[in-house]
C-alpha atoms as a PDB file:
ATOM      1  CA  MET A   1      -4.602 -13.625  -5.310  1.00  0.00           C
ATOM      2  CA  PRO A   2      -6.554 -16.224  -3.196  1.00  0.00           C
ATOM      3  CA  THR A   3      -7.629 -15.381   0.328  1.00  0.00           C
ATOM      4  CA  THR A   4      -7.483 -17.527   3.299  1.00  0.00           C
ATOM      5  CA  SER A   5      -7.670 -17.332   7.206  1.00  0.00           C
ATOM      6  CA  ALA A   6      -4.733 -20.280   7.755  1.00  0.00           C
ATOM      7  CA  PHE A   7      -2.047 -17.753   7.734  1.00  0.00           C
ATOM      8  CA  THR A   8      -3.475 -15.417  10.297  1.00  0.00           C
ATOM      9  CA  VAL A   9      -1.072 -15.333  13.579  1.00  0.00           C
ATOM     10  CA  SER A  10      -1.479 -14.139  17.044  1.00  0.00           C
ATOM     11  CA  ARG A  11       1.016 -13.598  19.890  1.00  0.00           C
ATOM     12  CA  SER A  12       0.498 -12.261  23.644  1.00  0.00           C
ATOM     13  CA  GLU A  13       2.614 -10.374  26.099  1.00  0.00           C
ATOM     14  CA  THR A  14       2.150  -9.807  29.679  1.00  0.00           C
ATOM     15  CA  TYR A  15       3.643  -6.288  31.339  1.00  0.00           C
ATOM     16  CA  LEU A  16       3.751  -4.882  35.015  1.00  0.00           C
ATOM     17  CA  ALA A  17       2.501  -1.271  34.883  1.00  0.00           C
ATOM     18  CA  SER A  18       5.592   0.929  36.270  1.00  0.00           C
ATOM     19  CA  MET A  19       7.077   4.537  35.284  1.00  0.00           C
ATOM     20  CA  PRO A  20       7.906   3.344  31.957  1.00  0.00           C
ATOM     21  CA  ASN A  21       4.419   2.864  30.576  1.00  0.00           C
ATOM     22  CA  LEU A  22       2.634   4.796  32.931  1.00  0.00           C
ATOM     23  CA  ALA A  23       1.169   8.583  32.323  1.00  0.00           C
ATOM     24  CA  PHE A  24      -0.399  11.119  34.773  1.00  0.00           C
ATOM     25  CA  THR A  25      -3.924   9.292  33.784  1.00  0.00           C
ATOM     26  CA  GLY A  26      -3.052   5.555  33.894  1.00  0.00           C
ATOM     27  CA  LEU A  27      -1.359   3.770  31.161  1.00  0.00           C
ATOM     28  CA  SER A  28       0.370   5.629  28.549  1.00  0.00           C
ATOM     29  CA  GLU A  29      -1.510   6.215  25.394  1.00  0.00           C
ATOM     30  CA  ASN A  30       1.874   6.906  23.549  1.00  0.00           C
ATOM     31  CA  TRP A  31       3.630   3.808  24.877  1.00  0.00           C
ATOM     32  CA  LEU A  32       0.740   1.585  24.059  1.00  0.00           C
ATOM     33  CA  LEU A  33       0.805   2.838  20.504  1.00  0.00           C
ATOM     34  CA  LYS A  34       4.726   2.128  20.435  1.00  0.00           C
ATOM     35  CA  GLU A  35       4.038  -1.433  21.901  1.00  0.00           C
ATOM     36  CA  CYS A  36       1.323  -2.350  19.838  1.00  0.00           C
ATOM     37  CA  GLY A  37       3.569  -0.917  16.736  1.00  0.00           C
ATOM     38  CA  HIS A  38       6.128  -3.226  18.129  1.00  0.00           C
ATOM     39  CA  GLN A  39       3.957  -6.366  18.364  1.00  0.00           C
ATOM     40  CA  HIS A  40       2.732  -5.861  14.952  1.00  0.00           C
ATOM     41  CA  TRP A  41       6.473  -5.691  13.733  1.00  0.00           C
ATOM     42  CA  LEU A  42       7.476  -8.904  15.817  1.00  0.00           C
ATOM     43  CA  ALA A  43       4.320 -10.416  14.528  1.00  0.00           C
ATOM     44  CA  LEU A  44       5.009  -9.729  10.818  1.00  0.00           C
ATOM     45  CA  ALA A  45       7.965 -11.702  10.997  1.00  0.00           C
ATOM     46  CA  GLN A  46       5.957 -14.486  12.544  1.00  0.00           C
ATOM     47  CA  LEU A  47       3.645 -14.549   9.743  1.00  0.00           C
ATOM     48  CA  HIS A  48       6.532 -14.359   7.264  1.00  0.00           C
ATOM     49  CA  ASP A  49       8.326 -17.326   8.869  1.00  0.00           C
ATOM     50  CA  ARG A  50      11.277 -15.125   9.947  1.00  0.00           C
ATOM     51  CA  PRO A  51      13.487 -15.304  12.826  1.00  0.00           C
ATOM     52  CA  LEU A  52      13.732 -11.386  13.001  1.00  0.00           C
ATOM     53  CA  PRO A  53      11.733  -8.624  11.294  1.00  0.00           C
ATOM     54  CA  ASP A  54      14.497  -7.950   8.491  1.00  0.00           C
ATOM     55  CA  PHE A  55      12.854  -7.594   5.451  1.00  0.00           C
ATOM     56  CA  VAL A  56      13.973  -6.206   1.948  1.00  0.00           C
ATOM     57  CA  ASP A  57      11.969  -4.781  -1.103  1.00  0.00           C
ATOM     58  CA  GLU A  58      12.452  -6.572  -4.622  1.00  0.00           C
ATOM     59  CA  GLN A  59      15.352  -4.261  -5.411  1.00  0.00           C
ATOM     60  CA  GLY A  60      17.262  -5.126  -2.516  1.00  0.00           C
ATOM     61  CA  ARG A  61      16.509  -1.944  -0.231  1.00  0.00           C
ATOM     62  CA  ILE A  62      15.542  -2.354   3.363  1.00  0.00           C
ATOM     63  CA  ALA A  63      11.448  -2.200   3.941  1.00  0.00           C
ATOM     64  CA  TYR A  64       9.567  -0.943   6.743  1.00  0.00           C
ATOM     65  CA  ALA A  65       5.908  -1.376   7.828  1.00  0.00           C
ATOM     66  CA  ALA A  66       4.733   2.299   7.733  1.00  0.00           C
ATOM     67  CA  PHE A  67       1.351   2.632   9.464  1.00  0.00           C
ATOM     68  CA  THR A  68      -1.178   4.206   7.174  1.00  0.00           C
ATOM     69  CA  ALA A  69      -4.200   4.001   9.583  1.00  0.00           C
ATOM     70  CA  VAL A  70      -4.741   3.588  13.507  1.00  0.00           C
ATOM     71  CA  LYS A  71      -7.784   3.378  15.555  1.00  0.00           C
ATOM     72  CA  THR A  72      -8.108   2.826  19.177  1.00  0.00           C
ATOM     73  CA  TRP A  73     -11.379   2.750  21.193  1.00  0.00           C
ATOM     74  CA  ASN A  74     -13.277   1.310  24.120  1.00  0.00           C
ATOM     75  CA  LEU A  75      -9.896   2.866  26.046  1.00  0.00           C
ATOM     76  CA  GLN A  76     -10.206   2.750  29.852  1.00  0.00           C
ATOM     77  CA  LEU A  77      -6.379   3.202  30.351  1.00  0.00           C
ATOM     78  CA  GLU A  78      -7.036   4.895  33.631  1.00  0.00           C
ATOM     79  CA  ALA A  79      -7.811   1.448  35.091  1.00  0.00           C
ATOM     80  CA  ILE A  80      -4.154   0.357  34.723  1.00  0.00           C
ATOM     81  CA  ILE A  81      -2.137   1.967  37.908  1.00  0.00           C
ATOM     82  CA  GLU A  82       1.138   0.938  39.325  1.00  0.00           C
ATOM     83  CA  ASN A  83       1.843  -2.365  39.760  1.00  0.00           C
ATOM     84  CA  ARG A  84      -1.035  -3.896  37.884  1.00  0.00           C
ATOM     85  CA  SER A  85      -0.299  -6.954  35.690  1.00  0.00           C
ATOM     86  CA  PHE A  86      -2.107  -6.358  32.181  1.00  0.00           C
ATOM     87  CA  GLN A  87      -1.669  -8.231  28.705  1.00  0.00           C
ATOM     88  CA  ILE A  88      -1.676  -7.453  25.191  1.00  0.00           C
ATOM     89  CA  HIS A  89      -3.235  -9.881  22.743  1.00  0.00           C
ATOM     90  CA  THR A  90      -2.475  -9.384  18.788  1.00  0.00           C
ATOM     91  CA  ARG A  91      -3.464 -10.955  15.724  1.00  0.00           C
ATOM     92  CA  ILE A  92      -1.779 -10.192  12.307  1.00  0.00           C
ATOM     93  CA  GLY A  93      -2.716 -11.011   8.635  1.00  0.00           C
ATOM     94  CA  ARG A  94      -2.043  -9.968   5.294  1.00  0.00           C
ATOM     95  CA  GLY A  95      -4.500  -7.811   3.606  1.00  0.00           C
ATOM     96  CA  GLY A  96      -2.822  -6.807   0.051  1.00  0.00           C
ATOM     97  CA  GLN A  97       0.474  -6.931  -1.810  1.00  0.00           C
ATOM     98  CA  ALA A  98       2.298  -4.821   0.635  1.00  0.00           C
ATOM     99  CA  ARG A  99      -0.849  -3.989   3.150  1.00  0.00           C
ATOM    100  CA  HIS A 100      -0.714  -5.701   6.592  1.00  0.00           C
ATOM    101  CA  TYR A 101      -3.373  -5.610   9.376  1.00  0.00           C
ATOM    102  CA  SER A 102      -3.415  -6.205  13.231  1.00  0.00           C
ATOM    103  CA  GLU A 103      -5.780  -6.125  16.107  1.00  0.00           C
ATOM    104  CA  HIS A 104      -4.872  -5.891  19.579  1.00  0.00           C
ATOM    105  CA  GLU A 105      -6.636  -6.237  22.933  1.00  0.00           C
ATOM    106  CA  VAL A 106      -5.341  -4.538  26.146  1.00  0.00           C
ATOM    107  CA  ARG A 107      -7.126  -6.770  29.298  1.00  0.00           C
ATOM    108  CA  LEU A 108      -6.509  -6.077  32.958  1.00  0.00           C
ATOM    109  CA  GLY A 109      -7.183  -9.782  33.854  1.00  0.00           C
ATOM    110  CA  ASP A 110     -10.495 -10.376  32.467  1.00  0.00           C
ATOM    111  CA  ARG A 111     -11.387  -7.028  31.675  1.00  0.00           C
ATOM    112  CA  LEU A 112     -11.123  -5.360  28.329  1.00  0.00           C
ATOM    113  CA  VAL A 113      -9.491  -1.972  28.568  1.00  0.00           C
ATOM    114  CA  GLY A 114      -8.877  -1.134  25.154  1.00  0.00           C
ATOM    115  CA  GLN A 115      -8.644  -2.029  21.553  1.00  0.00           C
ATOM    116  CA  LEU A 116      -6.453  -1.045  18.402  1.00  0.00           C
ATOM    117  CA  ALA A 117      -6.541  -1.599  14.834  1.00  0.00           C
ATOM    118  CA  LEU A 118      -3.369  -0.952  12.817  1.00  0.00           C
ATOM    119  CA  LEU A 119      -3.087  -0.783   9.031  1.00  0.00           C
ATOM    120  CA  SER A 120       0.499  -0.962   7.476  1.00  0.00           C
ATOM    121  CA  THR A 121       2.230  -0.981   4.184  1.00  0.00           C
ATOM    122  CA  PHE A 122       5.723  -1.908   3.216  1.00  0.00           C
ATOM    123  CA  VAL A 123       7.748   1.028   2.298  1.00  0.00           C
ATOM    124  CA  SER A 124      11.224   1.690   1.255  1.00  0.00           C
ATOM    125  CA  ARG A 125      13.665   4.952   0.278  1.00  0.00           C
ATOM    126  CA  HIS A 126      14.099   5.484  -3.037  1.00  0.00           C
ATOM    127  CA  VAL A 127      16.585   7.994  -2.642  1.00  0.00           C
ATOM    128  CA  PRO A 128      19.057   7.269   0.331  1.00  0.00           C
ATOM    129  CA  GLY A 129      18.745   9.594   3.145  1.00  0.00           C
ATOM    130  CA  ASP A 130      15.420  11.121   1.971  1.00  0.00           C
ATOM    131  CA  ASN A 131      12.345  10.709   3.803  1.00  0.00           C
ATOM    132  CA  ARG A 132      10.209  12.416   1.249  1.00  0.00           C
ATOM    133  CA  SER A 133      11.237   9.676  -1.332  1.00  0.00           C
ATOM    134  CA  VAL A 134       9.602   7.073   1.167  1.00  0.00           C
ATOM    135  CA  SER A 135       7.071   4.862  -0.985  1.00  0.00           C
ATOM    136  CA  LYS A 136       5.455   1.620  -1.441  1.00  0.00           C
ATOM    137  CA  ALA A 137       7.976  -1.285  -1.593  1.00  0.00           C
ATOM    138  CA  CYS A 138       7.074  -5.100  -2.739  1.00  0.00           C
ATOM    139  CA  LEU A 139       8.493  -7.703  -0.515  1.00  0.00           C
ATOM    140  CA  ASN A 140      10.777  -9.700  -1.936  1.00  0.00           C
ATOM    141  CA  GLY A 141       9.761 -13.759  -1.860  1.00  0.00           C
ATOM    142  CA  THR A 142       6.943 -13.794   0.423  1.00  0.00           C
ATOM    143  CA  GLN A 143       4.505 -16.651   0.058  1.00  0.00           C
ATOM    144  CA  VAL A 144       2.022 -15.445   2.605  1.00  0.00           C
ATOM    145  CA  PRO A 145      -1.589 -15.475   1.062  1.00  0.00           C
ATOM    146  CA  VAL A 146      -3.706 -12.559   1.365  1.00  0.00           C
ATOM    147  CA  THR A 147      -6.608 -12.744   4.398  1.00  0.00           C
ATOM    148  CA  PRO A 148      -9.851 -10.847   4.431  1.00  0.00           C
ATOM    149  CA  LEU A 149      -9.632  -7.504   6.648  1.00  0.00           C
ATOM    150  CA  PRO A 150     -11.814  -7.752   9.863  1.00  0.00           C
ATOM    151  CA  GLU A 151     -14.896  -5.696  10.060  1.00  0.00           C
ATOM    152  CA  ALA A 152     -13.344  -2.718  11.808  1.00  0.00           C
ATOM    153  CA  LEU A 153     -10.292  -2.587   9.686  1.00  0.00           C
ATOM    154  CA  GLN A 154     -12.563  -2.755   6.728  1.00  0.00           C
ATOM    155  CA  ALA A 155     -14.080   0.412   7.754  1.00  0.00           C
ATOM    156  CA  LEU A 156     -10.842   2.011   8.786  1.00  0.00           C
ATOM    157  CA  HIS A 157      -9.250   1.155   5.602  1.00  0.00           C
ATOM    158  CA  ALA A 158     -12.558   2.777   3.987  1.00  0.00           C
ATOM    159  CA  ASP A 159     -12.137   6.016   6.134  1.00  0.00           C
ATOM    160  CA  ASN A 160      -8.781   6.285   5.447  1.00  0.00           C
ATOM    161  CA  ARG A 161      -9.227   6.585   1.530  1.00  0.00           C
ATOM    162  CA  ARG A 162     -11.783   8.708   1.986  1.00  0.00           C
ATOM    163  CA  ILE A 163     -10.462  11.300   4.763  1.00  0.00           C
ATOM    164  CA  ARG A 164      -7.079  11.247   2.546  1.00  0.00           C
ATOM    165  CA  SER A 165      -8.781  12.378  -0.615  1.00  0.00           C
ATOM    166  CA  GLY A 166     -10.701  14.914   1.559  1.00  0.00           C
ATOM    167  CA  ASP A 167     -13.883  13.730   0.374  1.00  0.00           C
ATOM    168  CA  TRP A 168     -15.645  13.936   3.827  1.00  0.00           C
ATOM    169  CA  ARG A 169     -18.002  16.484   5.666  1.00  0.00           C
ATOM    170  CA  SER A 170     -18.381  14.689   9.089  1.00  0.00           C
ATOM    171  CA  HIS A 171     -16.712  12.191  10.818  1.00  0.00           C
ATOM    172  CA  PHE A 172     -16.077  11.212  14.289  1.00  0.00           C
ATOM    173  CA  SER A 173     -19.152  13.247  15.174  1.00  0.00           C
ATOM    174  CA  ILE A 174     -17.201  16.444  13.884  1.00  0.00           C
ATOM    175  CA  ASP A 175     -18.720  18.579  11.271  1.00  0.00           C
ATOM    176  CA  ARG A 176     -16.025  19.804   9.218  1.00  0.00           C
ATOM    177  CA  GLN A 177     -17.713  23.223   8.287  1.00  0.00           C
ATOM    178  CA  SER A 178     -18.704  24.079  11.712  1.00  0.00           C
ATOM    179  CA  THR A 179     -14.964  24.191  13.191  1.00  0.00           C
ATOM    180  CA  GLU A 180     -12.462  26.813  14.035  1.00  0.00           C
ATOM    181  CA  ALA A 181      -8.678  26.046  13.384  1.00  0.00           C
ATOM    182  CA  ARG A 182      -6.076  26.929  16.188  1.00  0.00           C
ATOM    183  CA  VAL A 183      -2.135  26.878  14.752  1.00  0.00           C
ATOM    184  CA  PHE A 184       0.629  25.023  16.760  1.00  0.00           C
ATOM    185  CA  ASP A 185       4.134  24.951  15.303  1.00  0.00           C
ATOM    186  CA  PHE A 186       6.688  22.205  16.282  1.00  0.00           C
ATOM    187  CA  THR A 187      10.076  20.989  15.391  1.00  0.00           C
ATOM    188  CA  PRO A 188      10.755  17.416  15.841  1.00  0.00           C
ATOM    189  CA  CYS A 189      13.938  16.504  17.710  1.00  0.00           C
ATOM    190  CA  PRO A 190      16.063  13.518  16.375  1.00  0.00           C
ATOM    191  CA  ASP A 191      16.817  12.280  19.418  1.00  0.00           C
ATOM    192  CA  ILE A 192      13.231  11.977  20.494  1.00  0.00           C
ATOM    193  CA  ASP A 193      10.587  11.910  17.857  1.00  0.00           C
ATOM    194  CA  PHE A 194      12.527  10.053  15.320  1.00  0.00           C
ATOM    195  CA  ASN A 195      12.882   6.376  15.145  1.00  0.00           C
ATOM    196  CA  GLY A 196      15.768   3.639  14.190  1.00  0.00           C
ATOM    197  CA  ALA A 197      14.639   3.776  10.574  1.00  0.00           C
ATOM    198  CA  ASP A 198      15.221   7.765  10.680  1.00  0.00           C
ATOM    199  CA  LEU A 199      11.641   8.361  10.126  1.00  0.00           C
ATOM    200  CA  LEU A 200       9.242  10.201  12.390  1.00  0.00           C
ATOM    201  CA  TYR A 201       7.671   7.820  14.754  1.00  0.00           C
ATOM    202  CA  PHE A 202       3.824   7.214  13.942  1.00  0.00           C
ATOM    203  CA  ALA A 203       3.262   7.309  17.867  1.00  0.00           C
ATOM    204  CA  ASN A 204       4.749  10.716  18.069  1.00  0.00           C
ATOM    205  CA  PHE A 205       2.088  12.189  15.804  1.00  0.00           C
ATOM    206  CA  GLN A 206      -0.292  11.430  18.876  1.00  0.00           C
ATOM    207  CA  ALA A 207       2.252  13.129  21.358  1.00  0.00           C
ATOM    208  CA  MET A 208       2.400  16.336  19.128  1.00  0.00           C
ATOM    209  CA  VAL A 209      -1.301  16.483  18.983  1.00  0.00           C
ATOM    210  CA  GLU A 210      -1.580  15.872  22.820  1.00  0.00           C
ATOM    211  CA  ARG A 211       0.945  18.987  23.113  1.00  0.00           C
ATOM    212  CA  ALA A 212      -1.194  21.255  21.038  1.00  0.00           C
ATOM    213  CA  GLU A 213      -4.328  20.529  22.807  1.00  0.00           C
ATOM    214  CA  TRP A 214      -2.579  21.370  26.037  1.00  0.00           C
ATOM    215  CA  ALA A 215      -1.096  24.324  24.750  1.00  0.00           C
ATOM    216  CA  LEU A 216      -3.829  25.435  22.818  1.00  0.00           C
ATOM    217  CA  LEU A 217      -7.166  24.953  24.675  1.00  0.00           C
ATOM    218  CA  GLY A 218      -6.638  26.385  27.969  1.00  0.00           C
ATOM    219  CA  LEU A 219      -6.882  23.124  29.777  1.00  0.00           C
ATOM    220  CA  ARG A 220      -5.914  23.027  33.460  1.00  0.00           C
ATOM    221  CA  ARG A 221      -5.965  19.360  34.289  1.00  0.00           C
ATOM    222  CA  PRO A 222      -5.774  16.306  31.321  1.00  0.00           C
ATOM    223  CA  GLY A 223      -8.737  14.289  30.138  1.00  0.00           C
ATOM    224  CA  HIS A 224      -9.047  10.720  29.635  1.00  0.00           C
ATOM    225  CA  ILE A 225      -8.555   9.165  26.023  1.00  0.00           C
ATOM    226  CA  ARG A 226     -11.254   7.129  24.856  1.00  0.00           C
ATOM    227  CA  GLN A 227     -11.116   6.779  21.167  1.00  0.00           C
ATOM    228  CA  ARG A 228      -8.768   8.256  18.760  1.00  0.00           C
ATOM    229  CA  GLU A 229      -8.069   7.729  14.742  1.00  0.00           C
ATOM    230  CA  LEU A 230      -4.799   8.505  13.135  1.00  0.00           C
ATOM    231  CA  HIS A 231      -4.473   8.673   9.370  1.00  0.00           C
ATOM    232  CA  PHE A 232      -0.822   8.890   7.805  1.00  0.00           C
ATOM    233  CA  TYR A 233       0.137  10.017   4.538  1.00  0.00           C
ATOM    234  CA  GLY A 234       3.883  10.791   4.506  1.00  0.00           C
ATOM    235  CA  ASN A 235       7.149  11.635   6.438  1.00  0.00           C
ATOM    236  CA  LEU A 236       9.516  14.272   6.872  1.00  0.00           C
ATOM    237  CA  ASN A 237      13.300  14.722   7.159  1.00  0.00           C
ATOM    238  CA  ILE A 238      15.293  15.816  10.119  1.00  0.00           C
ATOM    239  CA  SER A 239      15.353  19.703  10.264  1.00  0.00           C
ATOM    240  CA  ASP A 240      11.902  20.237   8.766  1.00  0.00           C
ATOM    241  CA  SER A 241       9.156  21.476  11.094  1.00  0.00           C
ATOM    242  CA  MET A 242       5.634  20.983  11.181  1.00  0.00           C
ATOM    243  CA  GLN A 243       2.414  23.054  11.525  1.00  0.00           C
ATOM    244  CA  LEU A 244      -0.682  21.434  13.137  1.00  0.00           C
ATOM    245  CA  ARG A 245      -4.268  23.020  12.842  1.00  0.00           C
ATOM    246  CA  LEU A 246      -6.205  21.551  15.616  1.00  0.00           C
ATOM    247  CA  HIS A 247     -10.299  22.038  14.908  1.00  0.00           C
ATOM    248  CA  THR A 248     -12.619  22.169  17.572  1.00  0.00           C
ATOM    249  CA  SER A 249     -16.357  23.171  17.090  1.00  0.00           C
ATOM    250  CA  GLN A 250     -17.023  26.950  17.455  1.00  0.00           C
ATOM    251  CA  SER A 251     -18.696  26.426  20.718  1.00  0.00           C
ATOM    252  CA  GLY A 252     -15.372  25.297  22.445  1.00  0.00           C
ATOM    253  CA  HIS A 253     -16.215  21.797  22.806  1.00  0.00           C
ATOM    254  CA  ARG A 254     -13.120  20.200  24.207  1.00  0.00           C
ATOM    255  CA  GLU A 255     -14.083  16.506  24.052  1.00  0.00           C
ATOM    256  CA  LEU A 256     -14.069  16.220  20.520  1.00  0.00           C
ATOM    257  CA  HIS A 257     -11.272  17.458  18.056  1.00  0.00           C
ATOM    258  CA  TRP A 258      -9.578  17.046  14.647  1.00  0.00           C
ATOM    259  CA  CYS A 259      -5.904  17.904  13.729  1.00  0.00           C
ATOM    260  CA  GLU A 260      -4.329  18.460  10.432  1.00  0.00           C
ATOM    261  CA  VAL A 261      -0.339  17.808  10.313  1.00  0.00           C
ATOM    262  CA  TYR A 262       1.340  19.650   7.680  1.00  0.00           C
ATOM    263  CA  ARG A 263       5.106  19.544   6.599  1.00  0.00           C
ATOM    264  CA  ARG A 264       5.961  23.254   6.964  1.00  0.00           C
ATOM    265  CA  SER A 265       8.721  23.201   4.257  1.00  0.00           C
ATOM    266  CA  ASP A 266       6.009  22.353   1.354  1.00  0.00           C
ATOM    267  CA  LEU A 267       2.777  22.291   3.287  1.00  0.00           C
ATOM    268  CA  PHE A 268       2.092  18.581   2.289  1.00  0.00           C
ATOM    269  CA  LYS A 269      -0.427  17.042   4.475  1.00  0.00           C
ATOM    270  CA  LEU A 270       1.367  14.442   6.831  1.00  0.00           C
ATOM    271  CA  ALA A 271      -1.634  13.267   8.685  1.00  0.00           C
ATOM    272  CA  ASP A 272      -5.359  13.856   9.801  1.00  0.00           C
ATOM    273  CA  ILE A 273      -6.032  12.853  13.739  1.00  0.00           C
ATOM    274  CA  PHE A 274      -9.287  12.541  15.459  1.00  0.00           C
ATOM    275  CA  THR A 275      -9.715  12.405  19.198  1.00  0.00           C
ATOM    276  CA  ARG A 276     -12.482  11.855  21.804  1.00  0.00           C
ATOM    277  CA  LYS A 277     -11.922  12.469  25.331  1.00  0.00           C
ATOM    278  CA  ILE A 278     -13.564  12.674  28.660  1.00  0.00           C
ATOM    279  CA  HIS A 279     -12.501  15.348  31.219  1.00  0.00           C
ATOM    280  CA  LEU A 280     -11.791  14.803  34.903  1.00  0.00           C
ATOM    281  CA  SER A 281     -14.621  17.034  35.748  1.00  0.00           C
ATOM    282  CA  ASP A 282     -16.814  15.084  33.581  1.00  0.00           C
ATOM    283  CA  CYS A 283     -15.916  11.711  34.965  1.00  0.00           C
ATOM    284  CA  SER A 284     -19.601  10.529  35.536  1.00  0.00           C
ATOM    285  CA  ARG A 285     -20.199  10.365  32.279  1.00  0.00           C
ATOM    286  CA  PRO A 286     -19.824   7.280  30.477  1.00  0.00           C
END
C-alpha cells in the first residue's frame, strides 16, 4: 500500500485543572492516559471522515481500537495544579491495515510538560461475550492510506515486538537478570476497571501497577512519574483475576521497575509495564 502524509490529522483540546483530572502529585497520569485514549478514538473518526467513531469489521462485528503499546516521557505532571489551564495536542495517522498511531503533547502555556505515543490495532470479538476471543479486525470500506510511523513510534513498535517475544535482556535501564519479583494479586471490578466495550480498560493497567508499587515497596510518600511504557497482549473476562509480578533491582532501587501482568485463570501474560519515577525525597534530581 502506498504511503503518504496527506491524511494525518490533528486536534487540540483545552482543559481547566480541577478535581476530576488532578491527583495527589499534580495532573493524574491515569486521567491523562484515559483522555489521550479518548482523543485517539475521536481522531480516528476524523481521520476516517466519520461523524462518530463507530467502526465495524468486514464481518459486520463492532470493532474497537485496542492499544498494543503506550509510551509516556518528559512528564512534569506536578506542574499542573488546581485552576491552571492546559492543552493536549494530538496527531494521528494510519500505520498499517488495522494499526494506527498517535502522538500527544501536554502543554502548560508554552511549557511542554508531557509527551505520549500510542499504538493501536482494531479488534473485534470472534465469540460474543468472550474477551479471550478478541483478535485483529480488518476495517470495512476504509480508504485512508498508510503513513510512515514517526521516529518515536517506530522505536516503540520495535520494542513492543521484542518485549512481547521475551527476547530482551535490558530495557528501560533495567537488567532483566538482576531483578527480584514481588507478587500482587488483583481482582478487577466491572464497574470500575472495565470500559463501555466490556474490556479491561488499558489505563487501569497503570492503576494496578500503582497499587502494587504502593503495597509492595514500603513507600511512605508517592513519587513523581517521569516515564512509562505499557505493552499489551490480551484481555480477560469479568470474574477473572490477575497476578502482578513487580520486579525491582536487588538493591531495592525504587525509581525503576518492571511489572509483568498475568491472567490468573491460565497464566497468560497480558502486559509488561516499565516505570521510571523520582521520589519526593529526591526532588533536587533532574
